[in-house]
Amino acid sequence: MSEIRTGVTTHPGVVREVNEDNAIAGRRIFAVADGVGGHAAGEVASAMLVARLHELDQQEAPGPEDVRATLAAAGRSLEEAGHAGMTTVAGIALVTVSERPHWVVFNVGDSRVYRFDGTGLTQLTVDHSEAQELVASGLLTAEEVRTYPRRHVVTRVLGKASMSDPDLWLFPPRAGERFVICTDGLTNEVADAEIDEVLRSHADAREAAAALVGLALAAGARDNVTALVADYSVAPQAVDTTCDTAPRSPR
């Protein structure tokens, strides 16, 4: 038997009045969405996406392609609505593959998923952004991204057909792992080392999520900020120690 304990904290930030972020911490779907488009448009887009993810969360034993299909359907709905804006998304879904549980990690845009295994923090997603492309090409360092003036420019987003293809990774769950799922309002203000320290010092998921957002606010929080922490535990006899934990694509 598995148990997933979660904590979610969201805040409009110090500068902005409207919070265009949304999140879901369901039975098997855990995700954040960061609306793009300004004021009501972005807020509507992220809410529409989260509503689709809630529908997926009600399904019994969804598979990886159900996640892909849900994101595609959400993207089409946003495109057809026109005025609803666009949104990034990042998250994890507990799915069934060959009758066994697996995580699917997914993202479109620059919201992120991290995994903490008790020894270190690993970023599982790759930002779909202009800044990340420059890092990949060697023209920017990871540290320089924090002050790069176009760091908010995304290269993929749900709501625009030519930019909506999600990345998906698949791997089996492990007892004791923690995930941080967050919008760029957190990572623009809080370094990975600080996220690592919070996860080490706060055993409770709700306290950890609140502490992460607190760090962003203390740093100036120029954007909306959302942090979701999910802790996965399994009864010892249910843990399969023979599986390879390396993420792999279901494509």
C-alpha atoms as a PDB file:
ATOM      1  CA  MET A   1       0.000   0.000   0.000  1.00  0.00           C
ATOM      2  CA  SER A   2       1.235   3.473  -0.852  1.00  0.00           C
ATOM      3  CA  GLU A   3       0.636   6.765   0.898  1.00  0.00           C
ATOM      4  CA  ILE A   4       1.264  10.220  -0.526  1.00  0.00           C
ATOM      5  CA  ARG A   5       1.300  13.192   1.805  1.00  0.00           C
ATOM      6  CA  THR A   6       1.238  16.637   0.267  1.00  0.00           C
ATOM      7  CA  GLY A   7       1.542  20.288   1.099  1.00  0.00           C
ATOM      8  CA  VAL A   8       0.751  23.203  -1.216  1.00  0.00           C
ATOM      9  CA  THR A   9       1.423  26.899  -0.709  1.00  0.00           C
ATOM     10  CA  THR A  10       0.761  29.642  -3.247  1.00  0.00           C
ATOM     11  CA  HIS A  11       1.119  33.415  -3.055  1.00  0.00           C
ATOM     12  CA  PRO A  12       0.715  36.285  -5.570  1.00  0.00           C
ATOM     13  CA  GLY A  13       4.142  37.589  -4.574  1.00  0.00           C
ATOM     14  CA  VAL A  14       5.286  40.997  -3.480  1.00  0.00           C
ATOM     15  CA  VAL A  15       4.845  42.804  -6.802  1.00  0.00           C
ATOM     16  CA  ARG A  16       1.737  41.372  -8.478  1.00  0.00           C
ATOM     17  CA  GLU A  17      -1.848  41.679  -7.278  1.00  0.00           C
ATOM     18  CA  VAL A  18      -3.341  38.738  -9.206  1.00  0.00           C
ATOM     19  CA  ASN A  19      -2.220  35.152  -8.661  1.00  0.00           C
ATOM     20  CA  GLU A  20      -2.275  33.347 -12.011  1.00  0.00           C
ATOM     21  CA  ASP A  21      -0.880  30.111 -10.537  1.00  0.00           C
ATOM     22  CA  ASN A  22      -3.014  27.043  -9.835  1.00  0.00           C
ATOM     23  CA  ALA A  23      -2.209  23.633  -8.384  1.00  0.00           C
ATOM     24  CA  ILE A  24      -3.661  20.171  -7.870  1.00  0.00           C
ATOM     25  CA  ALA A  25      -2.723  17.703  -5.138  1.00  0.00           C
ATOM     26  CA  GLY A  26      -5.110  14.854  -5.871  1.00  0.00           C
ATOM     27  CA  ARG A  27      -5.112  11.089  -5.409  1.00  0.00           C
ATOM     28  CA  ARG A  28      -2.551  10.406  -8.128  1.00  0.00           C
ATOM     29  CA  ILE A  29      -2.029  13.724  -9.952  1.00  0.00           C
ATOM     30  CA  PHE A  30       0.207  16.431  -8.468  1.00  0.00           C
ATOM     31  CA  ALA A  31       0.927  19.497 -10.561  1.00  0.00           C
ATOM     32  CA  VAL A  32       1.292  23.263 -10.762  1.00  0.00           C
ATOM     33  CA  ALA A  33       0.236  25.564 -13.595  1.00  0.00           C
ATOM     34  CA  ASP A  34       1.512  29.079 -14.212  1.00  0.00           C
ATOM     35  CA  GLY A  35      -0.846  31.166 -16.320  1.00  0.00           C
ATOM     36  CA  VAL A  36       0.598  33.251 -19.155  1.00  0.00           C
ATOM     37  CA  GLY A  37      -1.195  36.171 -20.709  1.00  0.00           C
ATOM     38  CA  GLY A  38      -1.682  38.714 -17.970  1.00  0.00           C
ATOM     39  CA  HIS A  39      -4.324  39.113 -15.268  1.00  0.00           C
ATOM     40  CA  ALA A  40      -7.592  37.225 -15.918  1.00  0.00           C
ATOM     41  CA  ALA A  41      -6.364  35.447 -19.062  1.00  0.00           C
ATOM     42  CA  GLY A  42      -3.512  33.628 -17.336  1.00  0.00           C
ATOM     43  CA  GLU A  43      -5.611  32.837 -14.284  1.00  0.00           C
ATOM     44  CA  VAL A  44      -8.332  31.327 -16.494  1.00  0.00           C
ATOM     45  CA  ALA A  45      -5.826  29.266 -18.490  1.00  0.00           C
ATOM     46  CA  SER A  46      -4.182  27.687 -15.448  1.00  0.00           C
ATOM     47  CA  ALA A  47      -7.603  26.996 -13.878  1.00  0.00           C
ATOM     48  CA  MET A  48      -8.858  25.324 -17.082  1.00  0.00           C
ATOM     49  CA  LEU A  49      -5.803  23.070 -17.170  1.00  0.00           C
ATOM     50  CA  VAL A  50      -6.118  22.093 -13.509  1.00  0.00           C
ATOM     51  CA  ALA A  51      -9.794  21.247 -14.090  1.00  0.00           C
ATOM     52  CA  ARG A  52      -8.709  18.782 -16.805  1.00  0.00           C
ATOM     53  CA  LEU A  53      -6.151  17.249 -14.454  1.00  0.00           C
ATOM     54  CA  HIS A  54      -8.853  16.836 -11.797  1.00  0.00           C
ATOM     55  CA  GLU A  55     -10.837  14.783 -14.318  1.00  0.00           C
ATOM     56  CA  LEU A  56      -7.812  12.570 -14.969  1.00  0.00           C
ATOM     57  CA  ASP A  57      -7.278  12.190 -11.231  1.00  0.00           C
ATOM     58  CA  GLN A  58     -10.692  10.508 -10.966  1.00  0.00           C
ATOM     59  CA  GLN A  59      -9.797   7.765 -13.435  1.00  0.00           C
ATOM     60  CA  GLU A  60      -8.844   4.329 -12.177  1.00  0.00           C
ATOM     61  CA  ALA A  61      -5.413   3.089 -13.270  1.00  0.00           C
ATOM     62  CA  PRO A  62      -4.593   5.733 -15.915  1.00  0.00           C
ATOM     63  CA  GLY A  63      -1.549   5.129 -18.114  1.00  0.00           C
ATOM     64  CA  PRO A  64       1.167   7.447 -19.430  1.00  0.00           C
ATOM     65  CA  GLU A  65      -0.712   8.139 -22.639  1.00  0.00           C
ATOM     66  CA  ASP A  66      -3.737   9.290 -20.615  1.00  0.00           C
ATOM     67  CA  VAL A  67      -1.521  12.024 -19.200  1.00  0.00           C
ATOM     68  CA  ARG A  68      -0.379  13.029 -22.679  1.00  0.00           C
ATOM     69  CA  ALA A  69      -3.962  12.982 -23.980  1.00  0.00           C
ATOM     70  CA  THR A  70      -5.193  15.141 -21.084  1.00  0.00           C
ATOM     71  CA  LEU A  71      -2.531  17.771 -21.707  1.00  0.00           C
ATOM     72  CA  ALA A  72      -3.294  17.752 -25.423  1.00  0.00           C
ATOM     73  CA  ALA A  73      -7.022  18.167 -24.761  1.00  0.00           C
ATOM     74  CA  ALA A  74      -6.365  21.031 -22.364  1.00  0.00           C
ATOM     75  CA  GLY A  75      -4.173  22.731 -24.959  1.00  0.00           C
ATOM     76  CA  ARG A  76      -6.864  22.421 -27.616  1.00  0.00           C
ATOM     77  CA  SER A  77      -9.483  23.854 -25.253  1.00  0.00           C
ATOM     78  CA  LEU A  78      -7.298  26.875 -24.565  1.00  0.00           C
ATOM     79  CA  GLU A  79      -6.633  27.413 -28.264  1.00  0.00           C
ATOM     80  CA  GLU A  80     -10.354  27.215 -29.069  1.00  0.00           C
ATOM     81  CA  ALA A  81     -11.254  29.592 -26.241  1.00  0.00           C
ATOM     82  CA  GLY A  82      -8.872  32.181 -27.655  1.00  0.00           C
ATOM     83  CA  HIS A  83      -9.288  34.709 -24.852  1.00  0.00           C
ATOM     84  CA  ALA A  84      -8.290  32.266 -22.104  1.00  0.00           C
ATOM     85  CA  GLY A  85      -4.562  32.840 -22.358  1.00  0.00           C
ATOM     86  CA  MET A  86      -1.879  30.162 -22.060  1.00  0.00           C
ATOM     87  CA  THR A  87      -0.207  28.253 -19.235  1.00  0.00           C
ATOM     88  CA  THR A  88       2.857  26.274 -18.295  1.00  0.00           C
ATOM     89  CA  VAL A  89       2.498  23.035 -16.352  1.00  0.00           C
ATOM     90  CA  ALA A  90       4.747  20.647 -14.447  1.00  0.00           C
ATOM     91  CA  GLY A  91       3.815  17.653 -12.369  1.00  0.00           C
ATOM     92  CA  ILE A  92       3.862  13.968 -11.576  1.00  0.00           C
ATOM     93  CA  ALA A  93       1.205  11.318 -12.057  1.00  0.00           C
ATOM     94  CA  LEU A  94       1.083   7.869 -10.454  1.00  0.00           C
ATOM     95  CA  VAL A  95       0.109   5.642 -13.388  1.00  0.00           C
ATOM     96  CA  THR A  96      -0.077   1.940 -14.146  1.00  0.00           C
ATOM     97  CA  VAL A  97       2.310   0.266 -16.589  1.00  0.00           C
ATOM     98  CA  SER A  98       2.119  -3.540 -17.035  1.00  0.00           C
ATOM     99  CA  GLU A  99       0.010  -3.671 -13.855  1.00  0.00           C
ATOM    100  CA  ARG A 100       2.741  -1.948 -11.821  1.00  0.00           C
ATOM    101  CA  PRO A 101       2.829   1.618 -10.431  1.00  0.00           C
ATOM    102  CA  HIS A 102       5.092   4.133 -12.131  1.00  0.00           C
ATOM    103  CA  TRP A 103       5.589   7.856 -11.942  1.00  0.00           C
ATOM    104  CA  VAL A 104       5.126   9.937 -15.045  1.00  0.00           C
ATOM    105  CA  VAL A 105       6.879  13.288 -14.771  1.00  0.00           C
ATOM    106  CA  PHE A 106       5.572  15.861 -17.243  1.00  0.00           C
ATOM    107  CA  ASN A 107       6.150  19.479 -18.126  1.00  0.00           C
ATOM    108  CA  VAL A 108       5.464  22.176 -20.678  1.00  0.00           C
ATOM    109  CA  GLY A 109       7.253  25.477 -20.073  1.00  0.00           C
ATOM    110  CA  ASP A 110       9.503  26.516 -17.198  1.00  0.00           C
ATOM    111  CA  SER A 111       7.675  25.227 -14.131  1.00  0.00           C
ATOM    112  CA  ARG A 112       9.731  22.424 -12.576  1.00  0.00           C
ATOM    113  CA  VAL A 113       9.731  19.046 -10.836  1.00  0.00           C
ATOM    114  CA  TYR A 114      12.518  18.117  -8.407  1.00  0.00           C
ATOM    115  CA  ARG A 115      13.118  14.775  -6.674  1.00  0.00           C
ATOM    116  CA  PHE A 116      14.790  14.460  -3.264  1.00  0.00           C
ATOM    117  CA  ASP A 117      15.907  10.961  -2.246  1.00  0.00           C
ATOM    118  CA  GLY A 118      17.329  11.798   1.175  1.00  0.00           C
ATOM    119  CA  THR A 119      20.845  12.326  -0.141  1.00  0.00           C
ATOM    120  CA  GLY A 120      20.430  15.006  -2.768  1.00  0.00           C
ATOM    121  CA  LEU A 121      18.115  17.068  -4.948  1.00  0.00           C
ATOM    122  CA  THR A 122      17.696  16.341  -8.665  1.00  0.00           C
ATOM    123  CA  GLN A 123      15.836  18.467 -11.194  1.00  0.00           C
ATOM    124  CA  LEU A 124      13.788  16.017 -13.256  1.00  0.00           C
ATOM    125  CA  THR A 125      12.362  18.435 -15.806  1.00  0.00           C
ATOM    126  CA  VAL A 126      14.148  20.561 -18.394  1.00  0.00           C
ATOM    127  CA  ASP A 127      12.957  24.153 -18.737  1.00  0.00           C
ATOM    128  CA  HIS A 128      11.401  25.029 -22.075  1.00  0.00           C
ATOM    129  CA  SER A 129      12.808  28.539 -22.160  1.00  0.00           C
ATOM    130  CA  GLU A 130      15.096  30.792 -24.131  1.00  0.00           C
ATOM    131  CA  ALA A 131      17.485  30.907 -21.186  1.00  0.00           C
ATOM    132  CA  GLN A 132      17.750  27.112 -20.970  1.00  0.00           C
ATOM    133  CA  GLU A 133      18.493  26.892 -24.692  1.00  0.00           C
ATOM    134  CA  LEU A 134      21.358  29.344 -24.179  1.00  0.00           C
ATOM    135  CA  VAL A 135      22.642  27.265 -21.258  1.00  0.00           C
ATOM    136  CA  ALA A 136      22.466  24.104 -23.378  1.00  0.00           C
ATOM    137  CA  SER A 137      24.458  25.808 -26.134  1.00  0.00           C
ATOM    138  CA  GLY A 138      27.099  27.050 -23.677  1.00  0.00           C
ATOM    139  CA  LEU A 139      26.268  30.731 -24.091  1.00  0.00           C
ATOM    140  CA  LEU A 140      24.972  31.176 -20.513  1.00  0.00           C
ATOM    141  CA  THR A 141      25.843  29.550 -17.207  1.00  0.00           C
ATOM    142  CA  ALA A 142      23.151  28.358 -14.796  1.00  0.00           C
ATOM    143  CA  GLU A 143      24.108  31.200 -12.450  1.00  0.00           C
ATOM    144  CA  GLU A 144      23.855  33.820 -15.208  1.00  0.00           C
ATOM    145  CA  VAL A 145      20.291  32.720 -15.948  1.00  0.00           C
ATOM    146  CA  ARG A 146      19.153  34.265 -12.649  1.00  0.00           C
ATOM    147  CA  THR A 147      19.886  37.762 -13.989  1.00  0.00           C
ATOM    148  CA  TYR A 148      19.287  37.164 -17.706  1.00  0.00           C
ATOM    149  CA  PRO A 149      16.694  39.802 -18.794  1.00  0.00           C
ATOM    150  CA  ARG A 150      14.742  37.361 -21.017  1.00  0.00           C
ATOM    151  CA  ARG A 151      14.703  34.471 -18.531  1.00  0.00           C
ATOM    152  CA  HIS A 152      10.889  34.522 -18.475  1.00  0.00           C
ATOM    153  CA  VAL A 153      10.558  33.834 -22.231  1.00  0.00           C
ATOM    154  CA  VAL A 154       9.207  30.288 -22.653  1.00  0.00           C
ATOM    155  CA  THR A 155       9.575  28.198 -25.810  1.00  0.00           C
ATOM    156  CA  ARG A 156       6.699  25.825 -25.059  1.00  0.00           C
ATOM    157  CA  VAL A 157       3.322  26.600 -23.513  1.00  0.00           C
ATOM    158  CA  LEU A 158      -0.142  25.042 -23.483  1.00  0.00           C
ATOM    159  CA  GLY A 159      -2.582  27.121 -25.478  1.00  0.00           C
ATOM    160  CA  LYS A 160      -0.504  27.586 -28.617  1.00  0.00           C
ATOM    161  CA  ALA A 161      -0.518  24.640 -31.004  1.00  0.00           C
ATOM    162  CA  SER A 162       3.039  24.980 -32.273  1.00  0.00           C
ATOM    163  CA  MET A 163       4.485  25.196 -28.725  1.00  0.00           C
ATOM    164  CA  SER A 164       2.487  22.675 -26.675  1.00  0.00           C
ATOM    165  CA  ASP A 165       4.363  19.354 -26.935  1.00  0.00           C
ATOM    166  CA  PRO A 166       4.994  17.997 -23.397  1.00  0.00           C
ATOM    167  CA  ASP A 167       8.034  16.130 -22.139  1.00  0.00           C
ATOM    168  CA  LEU A 168       7.249  12.906 -20.249  1.00  0.00           C
ATOM    169  CA  TRP A 169       9.574  10.640 -18.225  1.00  0.00           C
ATOM    170  CA  LEU A 170       8.649   7.298 -16.679  1.00  0.00           C
ATOM    171  CA  PHE A 171      10.172   5.510 -13.673  1.00  0.00           C
ATOM    172  CA  PRO A 172       9.081   3.285 -10.750  1.00  0.00           C
ATOM    173  CA  PRO A 173       8.369   4.837  -7.327  1.00  0.00           C
ATOM    174  CA  ARG A 174      10.680   4.469  -4.346  1.00  0.00           C
ATOM    175  CA  ALA A 175       9.715   4.609  -0.683  1.00  0.00           C
ATOM    176  CA  GLY A 176      10.885   7.784   1.033  1.00  0.00           C
ATOM    177  CA  GLU A 177      11.248   9.968  -2.046  1.00  0.00           C
ATOM    178  CA  ARG A 178      10.030  13.558  -1.992  1.00  0.00           C
ATOM    179  CA  PHE A 179       9.040  15.758  -4.888  1.00  0.00           C
ATOM    180  CA  VAL A 180       8.948  19.533  -5.185  1.00  0.00           C
ATOM    181  CA  ILE A 181       6.739  20.818  -7.983  1.00  0.00           C
ATOM    182  CA  CYS A 182       6.918  24.571  -8.437  1.00  0.00           C
ATOM    183  CA  THR A 183       6.367  27.532 -10.697  1.00  0.00           C
ATOM    184  CA  ASP A 184       9.260  29.721 -11.789  1.00  0.00           C
ATOM    185  CA  GLY A 185       8.267  32.249  -9.147  1.00  0.00           C
ATOM    186  CA  LEU A 186      10.085  29.967  -6.712  1.00  0.00           C
ATOM    187  CA  THR A 187      13.147  29.031  -8.766  1.00  0.00           C
ATOM    188  CA  ASN A 188      13.770  32.610  -9.907  1.00  0.00           C
ATOM    189  CA  GLU A 189      14.220  33.608  -6.258  1.00  0.00           C
ATOM    190  CA  VAL A 190      15.416  30.456  -4.460  1.00  0.00           C
ATOM    191  CA  ALA A 191      18.526  28.463  -5.383  1.00  0.00           C
ATOM    192  CA  ASP A 192      18.504  24.670  -5.613  1.00  0.00           C
ATOM    193  CA  ALA A 193      20.781  24.458  -2.562  1.00  0.00           C
ATOM    194  CA  GLU A 194      18.186  26.364  -0.524  1.00  0.00           C
ATOM    195  CA  ILE A 195      15.408  24.033  -1.709  1.00  0.00           C
ATOM    196  CA  ASP A 196      17.575  21.076  -0.668  1.00  0.00           C
ATOM    197  CA  GLU A 197      18.100  22.551   2.792  1.00  0.00           C
ATOM    198  CA  VAL A 198      14.366  23.132   3.319  1.00  0.00           C
ATOM    199  CA  LEU A 199      13.590  19.521   2.431  1.00  0.00           C
ATOM    200  CA  ARG A 200      16.210  18.291   4.884  1.00  0.00           C
ATOM    201  CA  SER A 201      14.985  20.502   7.722  1.00  0.00           C
ATOM    202  CA  HIS A 202      11.193  20.134   7.316  1.00  0.00           C
ATOM    203  CA  ALA A 203       9.847  16.584   7.511  1.00  0.00           C
ATOM    204  CA  ASP A 204       6.224  17.673   7.091  1.00  0.00           C
ATOM    205  CA  ALA A 205       5.179  18.347   3.483  1.00  0.00           C
ATOM    206  CA  ARG A 206       2.925  21.268   4.413  1.00  0.00           C
ATOM    207  CA  GLU A 207       5.650  22.925   6.454  1.00  0.00           C
ATOM    208  CA  ALA A 208       8.195  22.395   3.672  1.00  0.00           C
ATOM    209  CA  ALA A 209       5.936  23.969   1.028  1.00  0.00           C
ATOM    210  CA  ALA A 210       5.246  26.970   3.262  1.00  0.00           C
ATOM    211  CA  ALA A 211       8.949  27.392   4.011  1.00  0.00           C
ATOM    212  CA  LEU A 212       9.858  27.371   0.308  1.00  0.00           C
ATOM    213  CA  VAL A 213       7.344  30.087  -0.512  1.00  0.00           C
ATOM    214  CA  GLY A 214       8.519  32.014   2.552  1.00  0.00           C
ATOM    215  CA  LEU A 215      12.049  32.054   1.118  1.00  0.00           C
ATOM    216  CA  ALA A 216      10.763  33.398  -2.196  1.00  0.00           C
ATOM    217  CA  LEU A 217       8.819  36.150  -0.442  1.00  0.00           C
ATOM    218  CA  ALA A 218      11.861  37.090   1.628  1.00  0.00           C
ATOM    219  CA  ALA A 219      13.877  37.353  -1.597  1.00  0.00           C
ATOM    220  CA  GLY A 220      11.388  39.772  -3.172  1.00  0.00           C
ATOM    221  CA  ALA A 221       8.947  37.416  -4.958  1.00  0.00           C
ATOM    222  CA  ARG A 222       8.622  39.435  -8.158  1.00  0.00           C
ATOM    223  CA  ASP A 223       6.251  36.818  -9.602  1.00  0.00           C
ATOM    224  CA  ASN A 224       3.466  34.568  -8.346  1.00  0.00           C
ATOM    225  CA  VAL A 225       5.003  31.652  -6.472  1.00  0.00           C
ATOM    226  CA  THR A 226       3.624  28.153  -5.875  1.00  0.00           C
ATOM    227  CA  ALA A 227       5.305  25.166  -4.235  1.00  0.00           C
ATOM    228  CA  LEU A 228       3.838  21.661  -3.913  1.00  0.00           C
ATOM    229  CA  VAL A 229       5.695  19.052  -1.854  1.00  0.00           C
ATOM    230  CA  ALA A 230       4.686  15.381  -2.204  1.00  0.00           C
ATOM    231  CA  ASP A 231       6.084  12.612   0.017  1.00  0.00           C
ATOM    232  CA  TYR A 232       5.764   9.010  -1.166  1.00  0.00           C
ATOM    233  CA  SER A 233       5.879   6.083   1.240  1.00  0.00           C
ATOM    234  CA  VAL A 234       5.261   2.373   0.689  1.00  0.00           C
ATOM    235  CA  ALA A 235       4.900  -0.573   3.050  1.00  0.00           C
ATOM    236  CA  PRO A 236       8.295  -2.378   3.045  1.00  0.00           C
ATOM    237  CA  GLN A 237       6.912  -5.585   1.583  1.00  0.00           C
ATOM    238  CA  ALA A 238       5.415  -3.622  -1.340  1.00  0.00           C
ATOM    239  CA  VAL A 239       8.711  -2.091  -2.469  1.00  0.00           C
ATOM    240  CA  ASP A 240      10.332  -3.702  -5.511  1.00  0.00           C
ATOM    241  CA  THR A 241      14.098  -3.272  -5.126  1.00  0.00           C
ATOM    242  CA  THR A 242      14.921  -4.799  -8.502  1.00  0.00           C
ATOM    243  CA  CYS A 243      13.640  -2.006 -10.749  1.00  0.00           C
ATOM    244  CA  ASP A 244      15.919   0.420 -12.482  1.00  0.00           C
ATOM    245  CA  THR A 245      15.118   3.904 -11.150  1.00  0.00           C
ATOM    246  CA  ALA A 246      16.508   5.769 -14.160  1.00  0.00           C
ATOM    247  CA  PRO A 247      13.768   7.927 -15.723  1.00  0.00           C
ATOM    248  CA  ARG A 248      12.821   6.856 -19.224  1.00  0.00           C
ATOM    249  CA  SER A 249      10.408   8.189 -21.814  1.00  0.00           C
ATOM    250  CA  PRO A 250       7.169   6.290 -22.553  1.00  0.00           C
ATOM    251  CA  ARG A 251       7.336   7.436 -26.164  1.00  0.00           C
END
